[in-house]
PDB file of N, CA and C in Angstrom:
ATOM      1  N   MET A   1       0.840  -1.183   0.000  1.00  0.00           N
ATOM      2  CA  MET A   1       0.000   0.000   0.000  1.00  0.00           C
ATOM      3  C   MET A   1       0.884   1.246   0.000  1.00  0.00           C
ATOM      4  N   ASN A   2       0.522   2.229  -0.815  1.00  0.00           N
ATOM      5  CA  ASN A   2       1.263   3.484  -0.898  1.00  0.00           C
ATOM      6  C   ASN A   2       0.546   4.559  -0.110  1.00  0.00           C
ATOM      7  N   THR A   3       1.091   4.881   1.038  1.00  0.00           N
ATOM      8  CA  THR A   3       0.515   5.904   1.888  1.00  0.00           C
ATOM      9  C   THR A   3       0.823   7.273   1.309  1.00  0.00           C
ATOM     10  N   TYR A   4      -0.174   8.137   1.318  1.00  0.00           N
ATOM     11  CA  TYR A   4      -0.040   9.494   0.803  1.00  0.00           C
ATOM     12  C   TYR A   4       1.036  10.246   1.578  1.00  0.00           C
ATOM     13  N   ASP A   5       2.048  10.744   0.866  1.00  0.00           N
ATOM     14  CA  ASP A   5       3.146  11.475   1.497  1.00  0.00           C
ATOM     15  C   ASP A   5       3.738  12.449   0.481  1.00  0.00           C
ATOM     16  N   LEU A   6       3.380  13.717   0.600  1.00  0.00           N
ATOM     17  CA  LEU A   6       3.874  14.723  -0.342  1.00  0.00           C
ATOM     18  C   LEU A   6       5.391  14.826  -0.345  1.00  0.00           C
ATOM     19  N   LYS A   7       6.021  14.489   0.774  1.00  0.00           N
ATOM     20  CA  LYS A   7       7.486  14.577   0.854  1.00  0.00           C
ATOM     21  C   LYS A   7       8.177  13.557  -0.046  1.00  0.00           C
ATOM     22  N   SER A   8       7.428  12.550  -0.522  1.00  0.00           N
ATOM     23  CA  SER A   8       8.035  11.553  -1.412  1.00  0.00           C
ATOM     24  C   SER A   8       8.118  12.043  -2.857  1.00  0.00           C
ATOM     25  N   ILE A   9       7.469  13.159  -3.167  1.00  0.00           N
ATOM     26  CA  ILE A   9       7.491  13.674  -4.538  1.00  0.00           C
ATOM     27  C   ILE A   9       8.850  14.310  -4.800  1.00  0.00           C
ATOM     28  N   ARG A  10       9.483  13.870  -5.878  1.00  0.00           N
ATOM     29  CA  ARG A  10      10.845  14.294  -6.220  1.00  0.00           C
ATOM     30  C   ARG A  10      10.910  14.787  -7.663  1.00  0.00           C
ATOM     31  N   LEU A  11      11.808  15.730  -7.889  1.00  0.00           N
ATOM     32  CA  LEU A  11      12.119  16.184  -9.233  1.00  0.00           C
ATOM     33  C   LEU A  11      13.624  16.044  -9.402  1.00  0.00           C
ATOM     34  N   GLU A  12      14.028  15.238 -10.366  1.00  0.00           N
ATOM     35  CA  GLU A  12      15.447  15.049 -10.674  1.00  0.00           C
ATOM     36  C   GLU A  12      15.704  15.565 -12.081  1.00  0.00           C
ATOM     37  N   VAL A  13      16.903  16.078 -12.314  1.00  0.00           N
ATOM     38  CA  VAL A  13      17.243  16.652 -13.615  1.00  0.00           C
ATOM     39  C   VAL A  13      18.458  15.948 -14.188  1.00  0.00           C
ATOM     40  N   ILE A  14      18.369  15.629 -15.465  1.00  0.00           N
ATOM     41  CA  ILE A  14      19.492  15.060 -16.206  1.00  0.00           C
ATOM     42  C   ILE A  14      19.811  16.034 -17.329  1.00  0.00           C
ATOM     43  N   GLU A  15      21.070  16.423 -17.425  1.00  0.00           N
ATOM     44  CA  GLU A  15      21.516  17.312 -18.493  1.00  0.00           C
ATOM     45  C   GLU A  15      21.802  16.465 -19.733  1.00  0.00           C
ATOM     46  N   ALA A  16      21.284  16.890 -20.861  1.00  0.00           N
ATOM     47  CA  ALA A  16      21.565  16.240 -22.139  1.00  0.00           C
ATOM     48  C   ALA A  16      22.114  17.321 -23.062  1.00  0.00           C
ATOM     49  N   GLY A  17      23.383  17.663 -22.869  1.00  0.00           N
ATOM     50  CA  GLY A  17      23.932  18.840 -23.545  1.00  0.00           C
ATOM     51  C   GLY A  17      23.262  20.054 -22.931  1.00  0.00           C
ATOM     52  N   VAL A  18      22.668  20.918 -23.760  1.00  0.00           N
ATOM     53  CA  VAL A  18      21.928  22.064 -23.228  1.00  0.00           C
ATOM     54  C   VAL A  18      20.490  21.692 -22.889  1.00  0.00           C
ATOM     55  N   ASP A  19      20.020  20.571 -23.397  1.00  0.00           N
ATOM     56  CA  ASP A  19      18.646  20.137 -23.156  1.00  0.00           C
ATOM     57  C   ASP A  19      18.511  19.519 -21.772  1.00  0.00           C
ATOM     58  N   LYS A  20      17.260  19.361 -21.326  1.00  0.00           N
ATOM     59  CA  LYS A  20      17.002  18.869 -19.972  1.00  0.00           C
ATOM     60  C   LYS A  20      15.982  17.740 -19.990  1.00  0.00           C
ATOM     61  N   VAL A  21      16.221  16.763 -19.117  1.00  0.00           N
ATOM     62  CA  VAL A  21      15.251  15.702 -18.845  1.00  0.00           C
ATOM     63  C   VAL A  21      14.892  15.826 -17.369  1.00  0.00           C
ATOM     64  N   PHE A  22      13.606  15.967 -17.085  1.00  0.00           N
ATOM     65  CA  PHE A  22      13.122  16.061 -15.712  1.00  0.00           C
ATOM     66  C   PHE A  22      12.376  14.770 -15.380  1.00  0.00           C
ATOM     67  N   LEU A  23      12.731  14.144 -14.278  1.00  0.00           N
ATOM     68  CA  LEU A  23      12.045  12.953 -13.791  1.00  0.00           C
ATOM     69  C   LEU A  23      11.278  13.359 -12.544  1.00  0.00           C
ATOM     70  N   VAL A  24       9.944  13.238 -12.605  1.00  0.00           N
ATOM     71  CA  VAL A  24       9.080  13.629 -11.492  1.00  0.00           C
ATOM     72  C   VAL A  24       8.361  12.377 -11.001  1.00  0.00           C
ATOM     73  N   THR A  25       8.656  11.974  -9.764  1.00  0.00           N
ATOM     74  CA  THR A  25       8.063  10.756  -9.211  1.00  0.00           C
ATOM     75  C   THR A  25       7.576  11.009  -7.792  1.00  0.00           C
ATOM     76  N   GLY A  26       6.730  10.094  -7.333  1.00  0.00           N
ATOM     77  CA  GLY A  26       6.251  10.169  -5.960  1.00  0.00           C
ATOM     78  C   GLY A  26       5.417   8.953  -5.632  1.00  0.00           C
ATOM     79  N   GLY A  27       5.378   8.593  -4.344  1.00  0.00           N
ATOM     80  CA  GLY A  27       4.634   7.399  -3.954  1.00  0.00           C
ATOM     81  C   GLY A  27       5.263   6.188  -4.604  1.00  0.00           C
ATOM     82  N   LYS A  28       4.441   5.407  -5.298  1.00  0.00           N
ATOM     83  CA  LYS A  28       4.957   4.264  -6.063  1.00  0.00           C
ATOM     84  C   LYS A  28       5.416   4.795  -7.425  1.00  0.00           C
ATOM     85  N   ALA A  29       6.722   5.010  -7.559  1.00  0.00           N
ATOM     86  CA  ALA A  29       7.280   5.599  -8.779  1.00  0.00           C
ATOM     87  C   ALA A  29       7.075   4.669  -9.970  1.00  0.00           C
ATOM     88  N   HIS A  30       6.799   5.262 -11.117  1.00  0.00           N
ATOM     89  CA  HIS A  30       6.580   4.522 -12.360  1.00  0.00           C
ATOM     90  C   HIS A  30       6.655   5.527 -13.512  1.00  0.00           C
ATOM     91  N   ILE A  31       6.458   5.069 -14.726  1.00  0.00           N
ATOM     92  CA  ILE A  31       6.343   5.975 -15.869  1.00  0.00           C
ATOM     93  C   ILE A  31       4.883   5.958 -16.297  1.00  0.00           C
ATOM     94  N   GLY A  32       4.208   7.092 -16.106  1.00  0.00           N
ATOM     95  CA  GLY A  32       2.803   7.217 -16.483  1.00  0.00           C
ATOM     96  C   GLY A  32       2.613   8.095 -17.701  1.00  0.00           C
ATOM     97  N   ALA A  33       3.523   9.067 -17.888  1.00  0.00           N
ATOM     98  CA  ALA A  33       3.435   9.976 -19.030  1.00  0.00           C
ATOM     99  C   ALA A  33       4.815  10.552 -19.323  1.00  0.00           C
ATOM    100  N   VAL A  34       5.015  10.881 -20.595  1.00  0.00           N
ATOM    101  CA  VAL A  34       6.263  11.502 -21.045  1.00  0.00           C
ATOM    102  C   VAL A  34       5.893  12.634 -21.999  1.00  0.00           C
ATOM    103  N   SER A  35       6.423  13.824 -21.743  1.00  0.00           N
ATOM    104  CA  SER A  35       6.177  14.987 -22.607  1.00  0.00           C
ATOM    105  C   SER A  35       7.505  15.569 -23.051  1.00  0.00           C
ATOM    106  N   THR A  36       7.611  15.869 -24.341  1.00  0.00           N
ATOM    107  CA  THR A  36       8.784  16.554 -24.877  1.00  0.00           C
ATOM    108  C   THR A  36       8.305  17.810 -25.592  1.00  0.00           C
ATOM    109  N   PHE A  37       8.873  18.954 -25.191  1.00  0.00           N
ATOM    110  CA  PHE A  37       8.511  20.234 -25.800  1.00  0.00           C
ATOM    111  C   PHE A  37       9.766  21.022 -26.128  1.00  0.00           C
ATOM    112  N   TYR A  38       9.645  21.902 -27.116  1.00  0.00           N
ATOM    113  CA  TYR A  38      10.761  22.715 -27.580  1.00  0.00           C
ATOM    114  C   TYR A  38      10.206  24.034 -28.103  1.00  0.00           C
ATOM    115  N   VAL A  39      11.067  25.048 -28.172  1.00  0.00           N
ATOM    116  CA  VAL A  39      10.673  26.356 -28.692  1.00  0.00           C
ATOM    117  C   VAL A  39      11.211  26.481 -30.106  1.00  0.00           C
ATOM    118  N   GLU A  40      10.322  26.860 -31.007  1.00  0.00           N
ATOM    119  CA  GLU A  40      10.700  27.052 -32.407  1.00  0.00           C
ATOM    120  C   GLU A  40      10.060  28.351 -32.879  1.00  0.00           C
ATOM    121  N   GLN A  41      10.878  29.338 -33.187  1.00  0.00           N
ATOM    122  CA  GLN A  41      10.401  30.653 -33.622  1.00  0.00           C
ATOM    123  C   GLN A  41       9.391  31.227 -32.627  1.00  0.00           C
ATOM    124  N   GLU A  42       9.766  31.232 -31.335  1.00  0.00           N
ATOM    125  CA  GLU A  42       8.956  31.781 -30.241  1.00  0.00           C
ATOM    126  C   GLU A  42       7.640  31.036 -30.014  1.00  0.00           C
ATOM    127  N   ARG A  43       7.499  29.862 -30.580  1.00  0.00           N
ATOM    128  CA  ARG A  43       6.303  29.044 -30.387  1.00  0.00           C
ATOM    129  C   ARG A  43       6.717  27.738 -29.719  1.00  0.00           C
ATOM    130  N   VAL A  44       5.955  27.314 -28.719  1.00  0.00           N
ATOM    131  CA  VAL A  44       6.255  26.064 -28.026  1.00  0.00           C
ATOM    132  C   VAL A  44       5.491  24.935 -28.710  1.00  0.00           C
ATOM    133  N   SER A  45       6.213  23.888 -29.093  1.00  0.00           N
ATOM    134  CA  SER A  45       5.607  22.720 -29.730  1.00  0.00           C
ATOM    135  C   SER A  45       6.074  21.472 -29.007  1.00  0.00           C
ATOM    136  N   GLY A  46       5.312  20.416 -29.144  1.00  0.00           N
ATOM    137  CA  GLY A  46       5.734  19.168 -28.533  1.00  0.00           C
ATOM    138  C   GLY A  46       4.651  18.121 -28.559  1.00  0.00           C
ATOM    139  N   THR A  47       4.897  17.076 -27.802  1.00  0.00           N
ATOM    140  CA  THR A  47       3.963  15.957 -27.765  1.00  0.00           C
ATOM    141  C   THR A  47       4.015  15.287 -26.403  1.00  0.00           C
ATOM    142  N   THR A  48       2.922  14.609 -26.081  1.00  0.00           N
ATOM    143  CA  THR A  48       2.826  13.865 -24.829  1.00  0.00           C
ATOM    144  C   THR A  48       2.320  12.467 -25.123  1.00  0.00           C
ATOM    145  N   VAL A  49       2.934  11.502 -24.484  1.00  0.00           N
ATOM    146  CA  VAL A  49       2.494  10.106 -24.571  1.00  0.00           C
ATOM    147  C   VAL A  49       2.181   9.659 -23.155  1.00  0.00           C
ATOM    148  N   HIS A  50       1.040   8.992 -22.982  1.00  0.00           N
ATOM    149  CA  HIS A  50       0.727   8.482 -21.646  1.00  0.00           C
ATOM    150  C   HIS A  50       0.340   7.012 -21.719  1.00  0.00           C
ATOM    151  N   ILE A  51       0.559   6.334 -20.627  1.00  0.00           N
ATOM    152  CA  ILE A  51       0.204   4.927 -20.513  1.00  0.00           C
ATOM    153  C   ILE A  51      -1.285   4.864 -20.170  1.00  0.00           C
ATOM    154  N   PRO A  52      -2.073   4.059 -20.885  1.00  0.00           N
ATOM    155  CA  PRO A  52      -3.505   3.974 -20.585  1.00  0.00           C
ATOM    156  C   PRO A  52      -3.751   3.676 -19.105  1.00  0.00           C
ATOM    157  N   GLY A  53      -4.726   4.383 -18.550  1.00  0.00           N
ATOM    158  CA  GLY A  53      -5.073   4.198 -17.150  1.00  0.00           C
ATOM    159  C   GLY A  53      -4.328   5.121 -16.208  1.00  0.00           C
ATOM    160  N   HIS A  54      -3.343   5.841 -16.719  1.00  0.00           N
ATOM    161  CA  HIS A  54      -2.580   6.775 -15.889  1.00  0.00           C
ATOM    162  C   HIS A  54      -3.104   8.185 -16.116  1.00  0.00           C
ATOM    163  N   LYS A  55      -2.956   9.028 -15.117  1.00  0.00           N
ATOM    164  CA  LYS A  55      -3.584  10.350 -15.161  1.00  0.00           C
ATOM    165  C   LYS A  55      -2.587  11.511 -15.163  1.00  0.00           C
ATOM    166  N   GLU A  56      -1.316  11.233 -15.310  1.00  0.00           N
ATOM    167  CA  GLU A  56      -0.296  12.286 -15.194  1.00  0.00           C
ATOM    168  C   GLU A  56      -0.154  13.184 -16.418  1.00  0.00           C
ATOM    169  N   GLN A  57      -0.758  12.846 -17.545  1.00  0.00           N
ATOM    170  CA  GLN A  57      -0.413  13.512 -18.796  1.00  0.00           C
ATOM    171  C   GLN A  57      -0.632  15.021 -18.788  1.00  0.00           C
ATOM    172  N   GLU A  58      -1.703  15.522 -18.198  1.00  0.00           N
ATOM    173  CA  GLU A  58      -1.932  16.973 -18.220  1.00  0.00           C
ATOM    174  C   GLU A  58      -0.857  17.726 -17.449  1.00  0.00           C
ATOM    175  N   LEU A  59      -0.540  17.253 -16.263  1.00  0.00           N
ATOM    176  CA  LEU A  59       0.493  17.900 -15.456  1.00  0.00           C
ATOM    177  C   LEU A  59       1.862  17.760 -16.118  1.00  0.00           C
ATOM    178  N   CYS A  60       2.148  16.599 -16.646  1.00  0.00           N
ATOM    179  CA  CYS A  60       3.423  16.344 -17.321  1.00  0.00           C
ATOM    180  C   CYS A  60       3.608  17.324 -18.482  1.00  0.00           C
ATOM    181  N   GLU A  61       2.573  17.479 -19.292  1.00  0.00           N
ATOM    182  CA  GLU A  61       2.635  18.385 -20.433  1.00  0.00           C
ATOM    183  C   GLU A  61       2.795  19.836 -19.982  1.00  0.00           C
ATOM    184  N   ARG A  62       2.057  20.226 -18.971  1.00  0.00           N
ATOM    185  CA  ARG A  62       2.136  21.601 -18.477  1.00  0.00           C
ATOM    186  C   ARG A  62       3.550  21.936 -17.984  1.00  0.00           C
ATOM    187  N   LEU A  63       4.161  21.011 -17.245  1.00  0.00           N
ATOM    188  CA  LEU A  63       5.518  21.246 -16.738  1.00  0.00           C
ATOM    189  C   LEU A  63       6.536  21.303 -17.874  1.00  0.00           C
ATOM    190  N   ALA A  64       6.390  20.430 -18.865  1.00  0.00           N
ATOM    191  CA  ALA A  64       7.329  20.422 -19.997  1.00  0.00           C
ATOM    192  C   ALA A  64       7.218  21.704 -20.815  1.00  0.00           C
ATOM    193  N   ARG A  65       6.000  22.144 -21.079  1.00  0.00           N
ATOM    194  CA  ARG A  65       5.789  23.396 -21.821  1.00  0.00           C
ATOM    195  C   ARG A  65       6.440  24.571 -21.088  1.00  0.00           C
ATOM    196  N   LYS A  66       6.161  24.648 -19.801  1.00  0.00           N
ATOM    197  CA  LYS A  66       6.677  25.757 -18.993  1.00  0.00           C
ATOM    198  C   LYS A  66       8.204  25.786 -19.007  1.00  0.00           C
ATOM    199  N   ALA A  67       8.832  24.634 -18.796  1.00  0.00           N
ATOM    200  CA  ALA A  67      10.296  24.568 -18.761  1.00  0.00           C
ATOM    201  C   ALA A  67      10.896  24.899 -20.122  1.00  0.00           C
ATOM    202  N   ALA A  68      10.314  24.379 -21.194  1.00  0.00           N
ATOM    203  CA  ALA A  68      10.838  24.659 -22.537  1.00  0.00           C
ATOM    204  C   ALA A  68      10.734  26.141 -22.860  1.00  0.00           C
ATOM    205  N   LEU A  69       9.615  26.747 -22.505  1.00  0.00           N
ATOM    206  CA  LEU A  69       9.426  28.168 -22.787  1.00  0.00           C
ATOM    207  C   LEU A  69      10.415  29.023 -22.004  1.00  0.00           C
ATOM    208  N   GLN A  70      10.636  28.691 -20.759  1.00  0.00           N
ATOM    209  CA  GLN A  70      11.555  29.491 -19.941  1.00  0.00           C
ATOM    210  C   GLN A  70      13.013  29.247 -20.317  1.00  0.00           C
ATOM    211  N   LEU A  71      13.385  27.991 -20.523  1.00  0.00           N
ATOM    212  CA  LEU A  71      14.791  27.658 -20.771  1.00  0.00           C
ATOM    213  C   LEU A  71      15.197  27.789 -22.230  1.00  0.00           C
ATOM    214  N   LYS A  72      14.230  27.758 -23.129  1.00  0.00           N
ATOM    215  CA  LYS A  72      14.480  27.854 -24.572  1.00  0.00           C
ATOM    216  C   LYS A  72      15.371  26.715 -25.068  1.00  0.00           C
ATOM    217  N   VAL A  73      15.152  25.530 -24.516  1.00  0.00           N
ATOM    218  CA  VAL A  73      15.833  24.307 -24.950  1.00  0.00           C
ATOM    219  C   VAL A  73      14.778  23.215 -25.070  1.00  0.00           C
ATOM    220  N   THR A  74      15.163  22.076 -25.608  1.00  0.00           N
ATOM    221  CA  THR A  74      14.257  20.933 -25.635  1.00  0.00           C
ATOM    222  C   THR A  74      14.193  20.338 -24.238  1.00  0.00           C
ATOM    223  N   VAL A  75      12.975  20.080 -23.793  1.00  0.00           N
ATOM    224  CA  VAL A  75      12.736  19.567 -22.447  1.00  0.00           C
ATOM    225  C   VAL A  75      11.869  18.318 -22.537  1.00  0.00           C
ATOM    226  N   THR A  76      12.268  17.277 -21.823  1.00  0.00           N
ATOM    227  CA  THR A  76      11.435  16.088 -21.663  1.00  0.00           C
ATOM    228  C   THR A  76      11.127  15.922 -20.186  1.00  0.00           C
ATOM    229  N   VAL A  77       9.850  15.730 -19.883  1.00  0.00           N
ATOM    230  CA  VAL A  77       9.422  15.434 -18.519  1.00  0.00           C
ATOM    231  C   VAL A  77       8.881  14.014 -18.510  1.00  0.00           C
ATOM    232  N   ILE A  78       9.423  13.198 -17.630  1.00  0.00           N
ATOM    233  CA  ILE A  78       8.951  11.829 -17.413  1.00  0.00           C
ATOM    234  C   ILE A  78       8.292  11.840 -16.041  1.00  0.00           C
ATOM    235  N   MET A  79       7.029  11.422 -15.977  1.00  0.00           N
ATOM    236  CA  MET A  79       6.300  11.553 -14.721  1.00  0.00           C
ATOM    237  C   MET A  79       5.572  10.274 -14.350  1.00  0.00           C
ATOM    238  N   GLY A  80       5.640   9.943 -13.057  1.00  0.00           N
ATOM    239  CA  GLY A  80       4.886   8.827 -12.508  1.00  0.00           C
ATOM    240  C   GLY A  80       4.723   8.994 -11.011  1.00  0.00           C
ATOM    241  N   ILE A  81       3.519   9.392 -10.603  1.00  0.00           N
ATOM    242  CA  ILE A  81       3.205   9.585  -9.186  1.00  0.00           C
ATOM    243  C   ILE A  81       1.981   8.731  -8.878  1.00  0.00           C
ATOM    244  N   HIS A  82       2.085   7.876  -7.863  1.00  0.00           N
ATOM    245  CA  HIS A  82       0.925   7.049  -7.503  1.00  0.00           C
ATOM    246  C   HIS A  82       0.807   6.893  -5.992  1.00  0.00           C
ATOM    247  N   PHE A  83      -0.363   7.231  -5.492  1.00  0.00           N
ATOM    248  CA  PHE A  83      -0.741   6.960  -4.107  1.00  0.00           C
ATOM    249  C   PHE A  83      -2.089   6.258  -4.146  1.00  0.00           C
ATOM    250  N   ASP A  84      -2.281   5.271  -3.290  1.00  0.00           N
ATOM    251  CA  ASP A  84      -3.550   4.545  -3.242  1.00  0.00           C
ATOM    252  C   ASP A  84      -4.649   5.401  -2.620  1.00  0.00           C
ATOM    253  N   SER A  85      -5.850   5.306  -3.175  1.00  0.00           N
ATOM    254  CA  SER A  85      -7.083   5.853  -2.584  1.00  0.00           C
ATOM    255  C   SER A  85      -6.950   7.288  -2.099  1.00  0.00           C
ATOM    256  N   ILE A  86      -6.595   8.204  -2.999  1.00  0.00           N
ATOM    257  CA  ILE A  86      -6.456   9.598  -2.588  1.00  0.00           C
ATOM    258  C   ILE A  86      -7.690  10.407  -2.986  1.00  0.00           C
ATOM    259  N   THR A  87      -7.864  11.536  -2.317  1.00  0.00           N
ATOM    260  CA  THR A  87      -9.011  12.409  -2.555  1.00  0.00           C
ATOM    261  C   THR A  87      -8.677  13.453  -3.619  1.00  0.00           C
ATOM    262  N   ARG A  88      -9.705  14.154  -4.074  1.00  0.00           N
ATOM    263  CA  ARG A  88      -9.500  15.242  -5.039  1.00  0.00           C
ATOM    264  C   ARG A  88      -8.581  16.317  -4.435  1.00  0.00           C
ATOM    265  N   MET A  89      -8.770  16.609  -3.164  1.00  0.00           N
ATOM    266  CA  MET A  89      -7.931  17.607  -2.495  1.00  0.00           C
ATOM    267  C   MET A  89      -6.467  17.160  -2.466  1.00  0.00           C
ATOM    268  N   GLN A  90      -6.225  15.889  -2.238  1.00  0.00           N
ATOM    269  CA  GLN A  90      -4.854  15.375  -2.235  1.00  0.00           C
ATOM    270  C   GLN A  90      -4.246  15.440  -3.636  1.00  0.00           C
ATOM    271  N   ILE A  91      -5.053  15.167  -4.650  1.00  0.00           N
ATOM    272  CA  ILE A  91      -4.571  15.296  -6.033  1.00  0.00           C
ATOM    273  C   ILE A  91      -4.143  16.736  -6.292  1.00  0.00           C
ATOM    274  N   ASP A  92      -4.960  17.691  -5.850  1.00  0.00           N
ATOM    275  CA  ASP A  92      -4.609  19.105  -6.014  1.00  0.00           C
ATOM    276  C   ASP A  92      -3.301  19.439  -5.302  1.00  0.00           C
ATOM    277  N   GLU A  93      -3.090  18.866  -4.126  1.00  0.00           N
ATOM    278  CA  GLU A  93      -1.842  19.091  -3.384  1.00  0.00           C
ATOM    279  C   GLU A  93      -0.646  18.498  -4.126  1.00  0.00           C
ATOM    280  N   ILE A  94      -0.837  17.344  -4.741  1.00  0.00           N
ATOM    281  CA  ILE A  94       0.227  16.709  -5.530  1.00  0.00           C
ATOM    282  C   ILE A  94       0.591  17.601  -6.715  1.00  0.00           C
ATOM    283  N   VAL A  95      -0.427  18.096  -7.423  1.00  0.00           N
ATOM    284  CA  VAL A  95      -0.201  18.985  -8.566  1.00  0.00           C
ATOM    285  C   VAL A  95       0.556  20.229  -8.113  1.00  0.00           C
ATOM    286  N   HIS A  96       0.100  20.833  -7.034  1.00  0.00           N
ATOM    287  CA  HIS A  96       0.754  22.040  -6.505  1.00  0.00           C
ATOM    288  C   HIS A  96       2.213  21.745  -6.133  1.00  0.00           C
ATOM    289  N   THR A  97       2.458  20.611  -5.510  1.00  0.00           N
ATOM    290  CA  THR A  97       3.819  20.247  -5.096  1.00  0.00           C
ATOM    291  C   THR A  97       4.730  20.061  -6.308  1.00  0.00           C
ATOM    292  N   ALA A  98       4.257  19.347  -7.327  1.00  0.00           N
ATOM    293  CA  ALA A  98       5.065  19.135  -8.536  1.00  0.00           C
ATOM    294  C   ALA A  98       5.348  20.465  -9.232  1.00  0.00           C
ATOM    295  N   GLU A  99       4.333  21.328  -9.315  1.00  0.00           N
ATOM    296  CA  GLU A  99       4.533  22.640  -9.937  1.00  0.00           C
ATOM    297  C   GLU A  99       5.521  23.482  -9.131  1.00  0.00           C
ATOM    298  N   ARG A 100       5.428  23.435  -7.818  1.00  0.00           N
ATOM    299  CA  ARG A 100       6.346  24.191  -6.955  1.00  0.00           C
ATOM    300  C   ARG A 100       7.784  23.702  -7.136  1.00  0.00           C
ATOM    301  N   LEU A 101       7.966  22.379  -7.191  1.00  0.00           N
ATOM    302  CA  LEU A 101       9.311  21.831  -7.390  1.00  0.00           C
ATOM    303  C   LEU A 101       9.906  22.292  -8.721  1.00  0.00           C
ATOM    304  N   MET A 102       9.085  22.284  -9.776  1.00  0.00           N
ATOM    305  CA  MET A 102       9.572  22.747 -11.079  1.00  0.00           C
ATOM    306  C   MET A 102       9.888  24.238 -11.021  1.00  0.00           C
ATOM    307  N   ASP A 103       8.997  25.029 -10.427  1.00  0.00           N
ATOM    308  CA  ASP A 103       9.235  26.474 -10.322  1.00  0.00           C
ATOM    309  C   ASP A 103      10.524  26.765  -9.561  1.00  0.00           C
ATOM    310  N   GLU A 104      10.741  26.052  -8.464  1.00  0.00           N
ATOM    311  CA  GLU A 104      11.963  26.251  -7.679  1.00  0.00           C
ATOM    312  C   GLU A 104      13.199  25.921  -8.507  1.00  0.00           C
ATOM    313  N   HIS A 105      13.130  24.835  -9.255  1.00  0.00           N
ATOM    314  CA  HIS A 105      14.276  24.461 -10.087  1.00  0.00           C
ATOM    315  C   HIS A 105      14.512  25.507 -11.182  1.00  0.00           C
ATOM    316  N   LEU A 106      13.440  25.915 -11.859  1.00  0.00           N
ATOM    317  CA  LEU A 106      13.584  26.880 -12.948  1.00  0.00           C
ATOM    318  C   LEU A 106      14.086  28.229 -12.445  1.00  0.00           C
ATOM    319  N   SER A 107      13.728  28.598 -11.236  1.00  0.00           N
ATOM    320  CA  SER A 107      14.173  29.890 -10.703  1.00  0.00           C
ATOM    321  C   SER A 107      15.679  29.903 -10.444  1.00  0.00           C
ATOM    322  N   ARG A 108      16.275  28.726 -10.333  1.00  0.00           N
ATOM    323  CA  ARG A 108      17.726  28.637 -10.114  1.00  0.00           C
ATOM    324  C   ARG A 108      18.505  28.530 -11.418  1.00  0.00           C
ATOM    325  N   MET A 109      17.812  28.411 -12.537  1.00  0.00           N
ATOM    326  CA  MET A 109      18.487  28.227 -13.826  1.00  0.00           C
ATOM    327  C   MET A 109      18.385  29.502 -14.651  1.00  0.00           C
ATOM    328  N   PRO A 110      19.474  29.914 -15.287  1.00  0.00           N
ATOM    329  CA  PRO A 110      19.399  31.096 -16.147  1.00  0.00           C
ATOM    330  C   PRO A 110      18.597  30.778 -17.404  1.00  0.00           C
ATOM    331  N   GLU A 111      17.859  31.763 -17.867  1.00  0.00           N
ATOM    332  CA  GLU A 111      17.109  31.604 -19.109  1.00  0.00           C
ATOM    333  C   GLU A 111      18.092  31.525 -20.269  1.00  0.00           C
ATOM    334  N   GLN A 112      17.852  30.628 -21.193  1.00  0.00           N
ATOM    335  CA  GLN A 112      18.719  30.458 -22.355  1.00  0.00           C
ATOM    336  C   GLN A 112      18.219  31.387 -23.456  1.00  0.00           C
ATOM    337  N   THR A 113      18.999  32.391 -23.798  1.00  0.00           N
ATOM    338  CA  THR A 113      18.573  33.313 -24.844  1.00  0.00           C
ATOM    339  C   THR A 113      19.351  33.106 -26.137  1.00  0.00           C
ATOM    340  N   GLU A 114      20.478  32.451 -26.040  1.00  0.00           N
ATOM    341  CA  GLU A 114      21.299  32.182 -27.215  1.00  0.00           C
ATOM    342  C   GLU A 114      21.846  30.768 -27.111  1.00  0.00           C
ATOM    343  N   LEU A 115      22.335  30.263 -28.220  1.00  0.00           N
ATOM    344  CA  LEU A 115      23.004  28.972 -28.177  1.00  0.00           C
ATOM    345  C   LEU A 115      24.243  29.078 -27.304  1.00  0.00           C
ATOM    346  N   SER A 116      24.541  28.021 -26.594  1.00  0.00           N
ATOM    347  CA  SER A 116      25.752  28.040 -25.777  1.00  0.00           C
ATOM    348  C   SER A 116      26.973  28.151 -26.686  1.00  0.00           C
ATOM    349  N   GLU A 117      28.083  28.610 -26.118  1.00  0.00           N
ATOM    350  CA  GLU A 117      29.316  28.729 -26.896  1.00  0.00           C
ATOM    351  C   GLU A 117      29.706  27.390 -27.496  1.00  0.00           C
ATOM    352  N   GLU A 118      29.494  26.323 -26.735  1.00  0.00           N
ATOM    353  CA  GLU A 118      29.836  24.979 -27.210  1.00  0.00           C
ATOM    354  C   GLU A 118      29.062  24.644 -28.480  1.00  0.00           C
ATOM    355  N   LEU A 119      27.766  24.937 -28.499  1.00  0.00           N
ATOM    356  CA  LEU A 119      26.969  24.636 -29.681  1.00  0.00           C
ATOM    357  C   LEU A 119      27.283  25.584 -30.823  1.00  0.00           C
ATOM    358  N   GLN A 120      27.591  26.851 -30.523  1.00  0.00           N
ATOM    359  CA  GLN A 120      27.932  27.795 -31.572  1.00  0.00           C
ATOM    360  C   GLN A 120      29.170  27.337 -32.322  1.00  0.00           C
ATOM    361  N   GLU A 121      30.121  26.746 -31.606  1.00  0.00           N
ATOM    362  CA  GLU A 121      31.345  26.258 -32.239  1.00  0.00           C
ATOM    363  C   GLU A 121      31.053  25.096 -33.184  1.00  0.00           C
ATOM    364  N   GLU A 122      29.989  24.333 -32.900  1.00  0.00           N
ATOM    365  CA  GLU A 122      29.643  23.188 -33.736  1.00  0.00           C
ATOM    366  C   GLU A 122      28.874  23.591 -34.986  1.00  0.00           C
ATOM    367  N   GLN A 123      28.304  24.813 -35.015  1.00  0.00           N
ATOM    368  CA  GLN A 123      27.501  25.259 -36.141  1.00  0.00           C
ATOM    369  C   GLN A 123      28.396  25.533 -37.347  1.00  0.00           C
ATOM    370  N   PRO A 124      28.008  25.050 -38.539  1.00  0.00           N
ATOM    371  CA  PRO A 124      28.805  25.348 -39.736  1.00  0.00           C
ATOM    372  C   PRO A 124      28.683  26.830 -40.089  1.00  0.00           C
ATOM    373  N   ASN A 125      29.755  27.395 -40.627  1.00  0.00           N
ATOM    374  CA  ASN A 125      29.754  28.826 -40.990  1.00  0.00           C
ATOM    375  C   ASN A 125      29.181  29.055 -42.352  1.00  0.00           C
TER     376      ASN A 125
END
């Protein structure tokens, strides 16, 4: 049984060059949804895939869009949060906690306005 515990919700970040992969888990960790978003000509585009029966896709997509727009890099969010027999209010608390964790992380990262020097060197002239 997975007892409801907001403190178990975690956000981990993996650097993939300038791009970011965020892993958001809590309770019984799993993969319920995956969203990848990127900015192209000031427009955010992307896609979300979810496992049937899982409910994370809306939150997963929202977090990926937000991070891609702020960081101006390709962002993938992998999400799986599960607690047994929770209420609507607890779901709202989970959503708020995941959003807060992402906001805290993004507030510590500089906004990407240009390609990094490393990538600029790789660009053909």
